[in-house]
Amino acid sequence: MTLRPLFAAAAAAILLSPPAFAQDAGVEHADGATPVRLVAFDGEQEFLKTSKRLRIWRAAVGYTLSVDEAGKVTGCKLVNEFRKNYVNQMLCEVLVEHHTFEPAHDASGAAVPGTYTARLVYEDLRAKT
């Protein structure tokens, strides 16, 4: 009976401790295409402030950003959306505003639309500030 808390803690550690950003940015594919590459994310402080103001109690927030041929973010989708749409919209506004990208390229080197998927872990963000 005393092993249950240990197993629960181990499971939580495994599930809740991915890296702050999980993306194969800049990795060339076998056909010569390259995915969207993150140049900068300077919104850690703003993301934390917005999350606190919205009273978000999750350990992490996963998201996917759509990026056009010019490297501009054109869309945002949270992996696990919140019940209140305004929470999703507020977090996406911060994410869209504070990411800078180089666009994806096809095998011929032409810029193409792409997506960027990542996960922000609140513990990691707090450690940076």
N, C-alpha and C. Protein backbone atom coordinates (compact mmCIF):
# COMPACT_ATOMS: atom_id res chain seq x y z
N MET A 1 0.80 -1.20 0.00
CA MET A 1 0.00 0.00 0.00
C MET A 1 0.85 1.27 0.00
N THR A 2 2.03 1.24 0.57
CA THR A 2 2.86 2.44 0.65
C THR A 2 3.54 2.75 -0.68
N LEU A 3 3.45 1.87 -1.65
CA LEU A 3 4.09 2.12 -2.95
C LEU A 3 3.22 2.97 -3.87
N ARG A 4 1.94 3.09 -3.62
CA ARG A 4 1.06 3.87 -4.48
C ARG A 4 1.51 5.32 -4.62
N PRO A 5 1.80 6.02 -3.50
CA PRO A 5 2.26 7.41 -3.66
C PRO A 5 3.56 7.49 -4.46
N LEU A 6 4.43 6.50 -4.28
CA LEU A 6 5.69 6.48 -5.02
C LEU A 6 5.45 6.33 -6.52
N PHE A 7 4.57 5.39 -6.88
CA PHE A 7 4.23 5.20 -8.30
C PHE A 7 3.56 6.43 -8.88
N ALA A 8 2.66 7.04 -8.11
CA ALA A 8 1.97 8.25 -8.58
C ALA A 8 2.97 9.38 -8.80
N ALA A 9 3.91 9.53 -7.89
CA ALA A 9 4.93 10.57 -8.03
C ALA A 9 5.82 10.30 -9.24
N ALA A 10 6.21 9.05 -9.44
CA ALA A 10 7.05 8.70 -10.59
C ALA A 10 6.31 8.95 -11.90
N ALA A 11 5.05 8.57 -11.95
CA ALA A 11 4.26 8.79 -13.16
C ALA A 11 4.11 10.28 -13.44
N ALA A 12 3.86 11.07 -12.42
CA ALA A 12 3.72 12.52 -12.60
C ALA A 12 5.03 13.13 -13.09
N ALA A 13 6.15 12.67 -12.54
CA ALA A 13 7.45 13.20 -12.96
C ALA A 13 7.73 12.91 -14.42
N ILE A 14 7.38 11.72 -14.86
CA ILE A 14 7.61 11.35 -16.26
C ILE A 14 6.71 12.17 -17.19
N LEU A 15 5.45 12.30 -16.82
CA LEU A 15 4.50 13.00 -17.69
C LEU A 15 4.66 14.51 -17.68
N LEU A 16 5.13 15.07 -16.57
CA LEU A 16 5.15 16.52 -16.44
C LEU A 16 6.53 17.14 -16.57
N SER A 17 7.51 16.38 -17.01
CA SER A 17 8.85 16.94 -17.09
C SER A 17 9.45 16.90 -18.49
N PRO A 18 8.68 17.23 -19.54
CA PRO A 18 9.30 17.33 -20.85
C PRO A 18 10.09 18.64 -20.94
N PRO A 19 10.92 18.80 -21.95
CA PRO A 19 11.66 20.04 -22.08
C PRO A 19 10.72 21.20 -22.35
N ALA A 20 11.19 22.42 -22.06
CA ALA A 20 10.36 23.61 -22.24
C ALA A 20 9.90 23.74 -23.68
N PHE A 21 10.78 23.44 -24.61
CA PHE A 21 10.40 23.47 -26.02
C PHE A 21 10.69 22.12 -26.63
N ALA A 22 9.70 21.54 -27.27
CA ALA A 22 9.89 20.25 -27.91
C ALA A 22 9.63 20.42 -29.40
N GLN A 23 10.69 20.53 -30.19
CA GLN A 23 10.54 20.80 -31.61
C GLN A 23 11.80 20.33 -32.31
N ASP A 24 11.65 19.76 -33.49
CA ASP A 24 12.82 19.35 -34.26
C ASP A 24 13.23 20.48 -35.21
N ALA A 25 13.34 21.69 -34.67
CA ALA A 25 13.62 22.88 -35.45
C ALA A 25 14.95 22.77 -36.18
N GLY A 26 14.93 23.12 -37.45
CA GLY A 26 16.14 23.18 -38.23
C GLY A 26 16.66 21.84 -38.72
N VAL A 27 16.00 20.75 -38.39
CA VAL A 27 16.44 19.43 -38.82
C VAL A 27 16.00 19.22 -40.25
N GLU A 28 16.96 18.90 -41.11
CA GLU A 28 16.63 18.67 -42.51
C GLU A 28 16.05 17.28 -42.68
N HIS A 29 14.99 17.19 -43.47
CA HIS A 29 14.35 15.90 -43.74
C HIS A 29 15.09 15.19 -44.87
N ALA A 30 14.81 13.91 -45.04
CA ALA A 30 15.51 13.09 -46.03
C ALA A 30 15.35 13.66 -47.44
N ASP A 31 14.21 14.30 -47.73
CA ASP A 31 13.99 14.84 -49.07
C ASP A 31 14.61 16.22 -49.26
N GLY A 32 15.30 16.75 -48.26
CA GLY A 32 15.95 18.05 -48.37
C GLY A 32 15.11 19.20 -47.85
N ALA A 33 13.87 18.95 -47.45
CA ALA A 33 13.01 20.00 -46.92
C ALA A 33 13.42 20.33 -45.48
N THR A 34 13.22 21.56 -45.09
CA THR A 34 13.50 21.95 -43.70
C THR A 34 12.23 22.50 -43.08
N PRO A 35 11.99 22.19 -41.80
CA PRO A 35 10.78 22.68 -41.12
C PRO A 35 10.95 24.13 -40.70
N VAL A 36 9.87 24.70 -40.18
CA VAL A 36 9.90 26.04 -39.61
C VAL A 36 10.97 26.04 -38.52
N ARG A 37 11.76 27.12 -38.46
CA ARG A 37 12.82 27.21 -37.45
C ARG A 37 12.54 28.38 -36.52
N LEU A 38 12.50 28.10 -35.23
CA LEU A 38 12.31 29.15 -34.22
C LEU A 38 13.56 30.01 -34.16
N VAL A 39 13.39 31.32 -34.36
CA VAL A 39 14.50 32.26 -34.23
C VAL A 39 14.54 32.78 -32.80
N ALA A 40 13.37 33.15 -32.26
CA ALA A 40 13.33 33.67 -30.89
C ALA A 40 11.95 33.55 -30.30
N PHE A 41 11.92 33.36 -28.99
CA PHE A 41 10.70 33.48 -28.21
C PHE A 41 11.05 34.36 -27.02
N ASP A 42 10.52 35.56 -27.01
CA ASP A 42 10.84 36.52 -25.96
C ASP A 42 9.64 36.83 -25.06
N GLY A 43 8.72 35.88 -24.96
CA GLY A 43 7.49 36.14 -24.23
C GLY A 43 7.33 35.38 -22.94
N GLU A 44 8.43 34.89 -22.35
CA GLU A 44 8.30 34.12 -21.12
C GLU A 44 7.60 34.91 -20.02
N GLN A 45 8.07 36.13 -19.78
CA GLN A 45 7.51 36.96 -18.71
C GLN A 45 6.05 37.30 -19.00
N GLU A 46 5.74 37.67 -20.22
CA GLU A 46 4.36 38.02 -20.58
C GLU A 46 3.44 36.81 -20.49
N PHE A 47 3.93 35.64 -20.89
CA PHE A 47 3.13 34.42 -20.80
C PHE A 47 2.83 34.09 -19.35
N LEU A 48 3.82 34.22 -18.47
CA LEU A 48 3.60 33.98 -17.05
C LEU A 48 2.61 34.97 -16.45
N LYS A 49 2.75 36.26 -16.81
CA LYS A 49 1.82 37.28 -16.29
C LYS A 49 0.39 37.01 -16.75
N THR A 50 0.23 36.69 -18.02
CA THR A 50 -1.11 36.42 -18.56
C THR A 50 -1.71 35.17 -17.91
N SER A 51 -0.90 34.15 -17.74
CA SER A 51 -1.38 32.92 -17.10
C SER A 51 -1.80 33.17 -15.67
N LYS A 52 -1.03 33.96 -14.96
CA LYS A 52 -1.37 34.27 -13.57
C LYS A 52 -2.67 35.06 -13.51
N ARG A 53 -2.81 36.04 -14.39
CA ARG A 53 -4.02 36.86 -14.43
C ARG A 53 -5.25 36.01 -14.76
N LEU A 54 -5.08 35.00 -15.60
CA LEU A 54 -6.18 34.11 -15.98
C LEU A 54 -6.37 32.94 -15.01
N ARG A 55 -5.50 32.87 -14.01
CA ARG A 55 -5.55 31.83 -12.98
C ARG A 55 -5.44 30.41 -13.56
N ILE A 56 -4.42 30.23 -14.36
CA ILE A 56 -4.16 28.91 -14.96
C ILE A 56 -3.32 28.09 -14.00
N TRP A 57 -3.77 26.87 -13.72
CA TRP A 57 -3.10 26.01 -12.75
C TRP A 57 -2.52 24.75 -13.38
N ARG A 58 -2.28 24.75 -14.65
CA ARG A 58 -1.69 23.58 -15.31
C ARG A 58 -0.17 23.60 -15.15
N ALA A 59 0.43 22.44 -15.33
CA ALA A 59 1.89 22.33 -15.25
C ALA A 59 2.54 22.81 -16.55
N ALA A 60 1.82 22.67 -17.66
CA ALA A 60 2.39 23.02 -18.97
C ALA A 60 1.28 23.34 -19.95
N VAL A 61 1.64 24.04 -21.01
CA VAL A 61 0.70 24.36 -22.09
C VAL A 61 1.38 23.99 -23.41
N GLY A 62 0.77 23.08 -24.15
CA GLY A 62 1.26 22.72 -25.47
C GLY A 62 0.52 23.52 -26.52
N TYR A 63 1.18 23.80 -27.63
CA TYR A 63 0.56 24.62 -28.67
C TYR A 63 1.18 24.34 -30.03
N THR A 64 0.42 24.69 -31.07
CA THR A 64 0.90 24.61 -32.44
C THR A 64 0.65 25.96 -33.10
N LEU A 65 1.68 26.51 -33.71
CA LEU A 65 1.56 27.77 -34.44
C LEU A 65 1.69 27.50 -35.93
N SER A 66 0.83 28.11 -36.72
CA SER A 66 0.93 28.04 -38.18
C SER A 66 1.79 29.21 -38.63
N VAL A 67 2.71 28.94 -39.55
CA VAL A 67 3.65 29.96 -40.01
C VAL A 67 3.59 30.01 -41.53
N ASP A 68 3.47 31.24 -42.09
CA ASP A 68 3.37 31.38 -43.54
C ASP A 68 4.75 31.41 -44.20
N GLU A 69 4.76 31.63 -45.52
CA GLU A 69 6.01 31.61 -46.31
C GLU A 69 6.98 32.72 -45.92
N ALA A 70 6.48 33.77 -45.26
CA ALA A 70 7.35 34.87 -44.85
C ALA A 70 7.87 34.69 -43.42
N GLY A 71 7.44 33.62 -42.74
CA GLY A 71 7.85 33.40 -41.36
C GLY A 71 6.94 34.07 -40.35
N LYS A 72 5.80 34.58 -40.81
CA LYS A 72 4.84 35.25 -39.92
C LYS A 72 3.85 34.23 -39.37
N VAL A 73 3.56 34.34 -38.07
CA VAL A 73 2.59 33.43 -37.45
C VAL A 73 1.19 33.81 -37.92
N THR A 74 0.47 32.83 -38.43
CA THR A 74 -0.87 33.08 -38.96
C THR A 74 -1.97 32.38 -38.18
N GLY A 75 -1.61 31.50 -37.25
CA GLY A 75 -2.62 30.81 -36.47
C GLY A 75 -2.03 30.17 -35.23
N CYS A 76 -2.91 29.90 -34.27
CA CYS A 76 -2.49 29.31 -33.00
C CYS A 76 -3.57 28.36 -32.52
N LYS A 77 -3.14 27.21 -32.03
CA LYS A 77 -4.07 26.22 -31.47
C LYS A 77 -3.40 25.61 -30.25
N LEU A 78 -4.08 25.66 -29.11
CA LEU A 78 -3.57 25.02 -27.91
C LEU A 78 -3.87 23.53 -27.99
N VAL A 79 -2.94 22.71 -27.55
CA VAL A 79 -3.12 21.26 -27.62
C VAL A 79 -4.31 20.84 -26.76
N ASN A 80 -4.36 21.29 -25.53
CA ASN A 80 -5.49 21.02 -24.63
C ASN A 80 -6.15 22.36 -24.33
N GLU A 81 -7.20 22.66 -25.07
CA GLU A 81 -7.84 23.95 -24.91
C GLU A 81 -8.57 24.05 -23.58
N PHE A 82 -8.72 25.29 -23.13
CA PHE A 82 -9.46 25.58 -21.91
C PHE A 82 -10.95 25.70 -22.24
N ARG A 83 -11.79 25.52 -21.24
CA ARG A 83 -13.24 25.61 -21.47
C ARG A 83 -13.66 27.01 -21.89
N LYS A 84 -13.02 28.01 -21.34
CA LYS A 84 -13.35 29.40 -21.67
C LYS A 84 -12.54 29.83 -22.90
N ASN A 85 -13.23 30.20 -23.97
CA ASN A 85 -12.54 30.58 -25.21
C ASN A 85 -11.63 31.78 -25.04
N TYR A 86 -12.01 32.73 -24.16
CA TYR A 86 -11.17 33.91 -24.00
C TYR A 86 -9.81 33.55 -23.41
N VAL A 87 -9.72 32.47 -22.64
CA VAL A 87 -8.43 32.03 -22.10
C VAL A 87 -7.55 31.54 -23.25
N ASN A 88 -8.12 30.74 -24.13
CA ASN A 88 -7.38 30.27 -25.31
C ASN A 88 -6.90 31.44 -26.15
N GLN A 89 -7.79 32.41 -26.37
CA GLN A 89 -7.46 33.58 -27.20
C GLN A 89 -6.35 34.42 -26.57
N MET A 90 -6.43 34.65 -25.26
CA MET A 90 -5.41 35.48 -24.59
C MET A 90 -4.03 34.81 -24.63
N LEU A 91 -3.98 33.51 -24.37
CA LEU A 91 -2.70 32.82 -24.42
C LEU A 91 -2.14 32.79 -25.83
N CYS A 92 -3.02 32.56 -26.82
CA CYS A 92 -2.56 32.55 -28.21
C CYS A 92 -2.06 33.92 -28.64
N GLU A 93 -2.69 34.98 -28.19
CA GLU A 93 -2.21 36.33 -28.53
C GLU A 93 -0.78 36.53 -28.06
N VAL A 94 -0.47 36.09 -26.86
CA VAL A 94 0.90 36.21 -26.34
C VAL A 94 1.86 35.36 -27.17
N LEU A 95 1.45 34.12 -27.47
CA LEU A 95 2.32 33.23 -28.24
C LEU A 95 2.58 33.77 -29.64
N VAL A 96 1.56 34.26 -30.31
CA VAL A 96 1.71 34.79 -31.67
C VAL A 96 2.60 36.03 -31.67
N GLU A 97 2.41 36.90 -30.70
CA GLU A 97 3.16 38.16 -30.65
C GLU A 97 4.64 37.98 -30.35
N HIS A 98 4.99 36.95 -29.60
CA HIS A 98 6.36 36.84 -29.10
C HIS A 98 7.21 35.77 -29.75
N HIS A 99 6.74 35.13 -30.82
CA HIS A 99 7.55 34.15 -31.54
C HIS A 99 8.06 34.77 -32.85
N THR A 100 9.29 34.46 -33.18
CA THR A 100 9.88 34.88 -34.46
C THR A 100 10.42 33.62 -35.14
N PHE A 101 10.11 33.48 -36.44
CA PHE A 101 10.47 32.26 -37.16
C PHE A 101 11.16 32.54 -38.48
N GLU A 102 11.92 31.54 -38.94
CA GLU A 102 12.32 31.42 -40.33
C GLU A 102 11.34 30.42 -40.93
N PRO A 103 10.84 30.69 -42.14
CA PRO A 103 9.83 29.79 -42.71
C PRO A 103 10.41 28.42 -43.06
N ALA A 104 9.50 27.47 -43.26
CA ALA A 104 9.89 26.15 -43.75
C ALA A 104 10.28 26.27 -45.22
N HIS A 105 11.08 25.33 -45.69
CA HIS A 105 11.49 25.31 -47.10
C HIS A 105 11.27 23.92 -47.66
N ASP A 106 10.84 23.86 -48.91
CA ASP A 106 10.67 22.56 -49.55
C ASP A 106 12.02 22.08 -50.08
N ALA A 107 12.03 20.94 -50.76
CA ALA A 107 13.28 20.35 -51.24
C ALA A 107 14.01 21.24 -52.23
N SER A 108 13.28 22.10 -52.95
CA SER A 108 13.93 22.99 -53.92
C SER A 108 14.42 24.28 -53.28
N GLY A 109 14.15 24.47 -51.98
CA GLY A 109 14.61 25.66 -51.28
C GLY A 109 13.60 26.79 -51.22
N ALA A 110 12.43 26.59 -51.81
CA ALA A 110 11.40 27.62 -51.79
C ALA A 110 10.70 27.64 -50.43
N ALA A 111 10.41 28.85 -49.93
CA ALA A 111 9.70 28.99 -48.66
C ALA A 111 8.27 28.47 -48.81
N VAL A 112 7.83 27.73 -47.83
CA VAL A 112 6.48 27.16 -47.82
C VAL A 112 5.87 27.35 -46.43
N PRO A 113 4.53 27.30 -46.34
CA PRO A 113 3.91 27.37 -45.01
C PRO A 113 4.27 26.14 -44.19
N GLY A 114 4.26 26.29 -42.89
CA GLY A 114 4.57 25.17 -42.02
C GLY A 114 3.96 25.38 -40.65
N THR A 115 4.27 24.48 -39.75
CA THR A 115 3.78 24.58 -38.38
C THR A 115 4.94 24.38 -37.41
N TYR A 116 4.75 24.91 -36.22
CA TYR A 116 5.71 24.77 -35.13
C TYR A 116 4.94 24.31 -33.91
N THR A 117 5.33 23.21 -33.31
CA THR A 117 4.67 22.67 -32.13
C THR A 117 5.64 22.67 -30.97
N ALA A 118 5.18 23.17 -29.84
CA ALA A 118 6.04 23.22 -28.65
C ALA A 118 5.19 23.12 -27.40
N ARG A 119 5.88 23.10 -26.29
CA ARG A 119 5.22 23.00 -24.99
C ARG A 119 5.96 23.90 -24.02
N LEU A 120 5.24 24.77 -23.33
CA LEU A 120 5.84 25.62 -22.31
C LEU A 120 5.54 25.01 -20.95
N VAL A 121 6.59 24.76 -20.20
CA VAL A 121 6.46 24.19 -18.86
C VAL A 121 6.65 25.34 -17.87
N TYR A 122 5.63 25.58 -17.05
CA TYR A 122 5.66 26.73 -16.15
C TYR A 122 6.84 26.72 -15.20
N GLU A 123 7.23 25.57 -14.71
CA GLU A 123 8.37 25.49 -13.79
C GLU A 123 9.65 25.96 -14.47
N ASP A 124 9.83 25.58 -15.73
CA ASP A 124 11.01 26.01 -16.49
C ASP A 124 10.98 27.52 -16.75
N LEU A 125 9.79 28.04 -17.08
CA LEU A 125 9.66 29.48 -17.33
C LEU A 125 9.97 30.29 -16.07
N ARG A 126 9.47 29.82 -14.94
CA ARG A 126 9.73 30.55 -13.67
C ARG A 126 11.21 30.52 -13.32
N ALA A 127 11.89 29.43 -13.65
CA ALA A 127 13.32 29.33 -13.34
C ALA A 127 14.13 30.31 -14.16
N LYS A 128 13.66 30.68 -15.35
CA LYS A 128 14.38 31.61 -16.23
C LYS A 128 14.22 33.06 -15.78
N THR A 129 13.14 33.36 -15.06
CA THR A 129 12.89 34.76 -14.70
C THR A 129 13.43 35.12 -13.34
